[in-house]
Amino acid sequence: MTKNSDDLALETLLAVREEIAPRLNEDLVRRCYAIQKNHQFDKDRAVALREMERLIEEEVERRSAAGEGGTAA
């Protein structure tokens, strides 16, 4: 993928987030995308999975501490 196509993929994700789940943290989407992009050619998908799990757990903890319970949609 070229830089332009990478940017297009991220911009598409962000546009869909805005339409479907505007309360979902944009930074979370960007960080998820970065993890997937960094590990897209790894044979062992467990590394990306662990990083995604850690990221999601951190976001859940952050939202819980901030009193932002409920769904993101």
Protein backbone atom coordinates (compact mmCIF):
# COMPACT_ATOMS: atom_id res chain seq x y z
CA MET A 1 0.00 0.00 0.00
CA THR A 2 1.13 3.50 -0.69
CA LYS A 3 0.87 6.37 1.74
CA ASN A 4 -2.11 7.76 -0.18
CA SER A 5 -4.01 4.47 -0.06
CA ASP A 6 -3.20 4.13 3.65
CA ASP A 7 -4.58 7.59 4.24
CA LEU A 8 -7.67 6.73 2.20
CA ALA A 9 -8.27 3.62 4.32
CA LEU A 10 -7.99 5.61 7.54
CA GLU A 11 -10.14 8.44 6.21
CA THR A 12 -12.80 5.90 5.21
CA LEU A 13 -12.78 4.37 8.69
CA LEU A 14 -13.11 7.81 10.26
CA ALA A 15 -15.96 8.77 7.93
CA VAL A 16 -17.85 5.56 8.74
CA ARG A 17 -17.23 6.14 12.45
CA GLU A 18 -18.75 9.60 12.13
CA GLU A 19 -21.87 8.18 10.46
CA ILE A 20 -22.38 5.06 12.55
CA ALA A 21 -20.83 5.75 15.95
CA PRO A 22 -20.03 9.45 16.38
CA ARG A 23 -19.48 9.03 20.13
CA LEU A 24 -16.71 6.50 19.50
CA ASN A 25 -13.38 8.11 20.28
CA GLU A 26 -11.62 9.08 17.03
CA ASP A 27 -8.23 8.54 18.64
CA LEU A 28 -9.24 4.96 19.44
CA VAL A 29 -10.04 4.33 15.77
CA ARG A 30 -6.72 5.84 14.74
CA ARG A 31 -4.81 3.75 17.28
CA CYS A 32 -6.62 0.54 16.22
CA TYR A 33 -5.80 1.32 12.60
CA ALA A 34 -2.14 1.90 13.47
CA ILE A 35 -1.90 -1.45 15.24
CA GLN A 36 -3.46 -3.28 12.31
CA LYS A 37 -1.28 -1.43 9.81
CA ASN A 38 1.90 -2.15 11.77
CA HIS A 39 1.16 -5.86 11.95
CA GLN A 40 -0.63 -6.46 8.65
CA PHE A 41 2.12 -8.67 7.25
CA ASP A 42 2.96 -10.55 10.46
CA LYS A 43 2.46 -14.30 10.25
CA ASP A 44 1.66 -14.39 13.96
CA ARG A 45 -1.58 -12.42 14.35
CA ALA A 46 -1.43 -12.95 18.13
CA VAL A 47 0.76 -9.86 18.55
CA ALA A 48 -1.81 -7.59 16.90
CA LEU A 49 -4.59 -9.30 18.83
CA ARG A 50 -2.84 -8.70 22.17
CA GLU A 51 -2.20 -5.06 21.32
CA MET A 52 -5.83 -4.56 20.27
CA GLU A 53 -7.08 -6.22 23.45
CA ARG A 54 -4.83 -4.02 25.58
CA LEU A 55 -5.97 -0.90 23.74
CA ILE A 56 -9.66 -1.77 24.14
CA GLU A 57 -9.21 -2.62 27.82
CA GLU A 58 -7.49 0.73 28.40
CA GLU A 59 -10.36 2.54 26.67
CA VAL A 60 -12.97 0.68 28.73
CA GLU A 61 -11.11 1.55 31.93
CA ARG A 62 -10.80 5.19 30.85
CA ARG A 63 -14.51 5.42 30.07
CA SER A 64 -15.44 3.70 33.33
CA ALA A 65 -13.29 6.08 35.35
CA ALA A 66 -14.80 9.05 33.51
CA GLY A 67 -18.34 7.79 34.08
CA GLU A 68 -18.95 7.26 30.37
CA GLY A 69 -20.74 3.93 30.73
CA GLY A 70 -23.12 2.57 28.17
CA THR A 71 -22.61 1.95 24.50
CA ALA A 72 -20.50 3.96 22.12
CA ALA A 73 -23.14 3.99 19.38
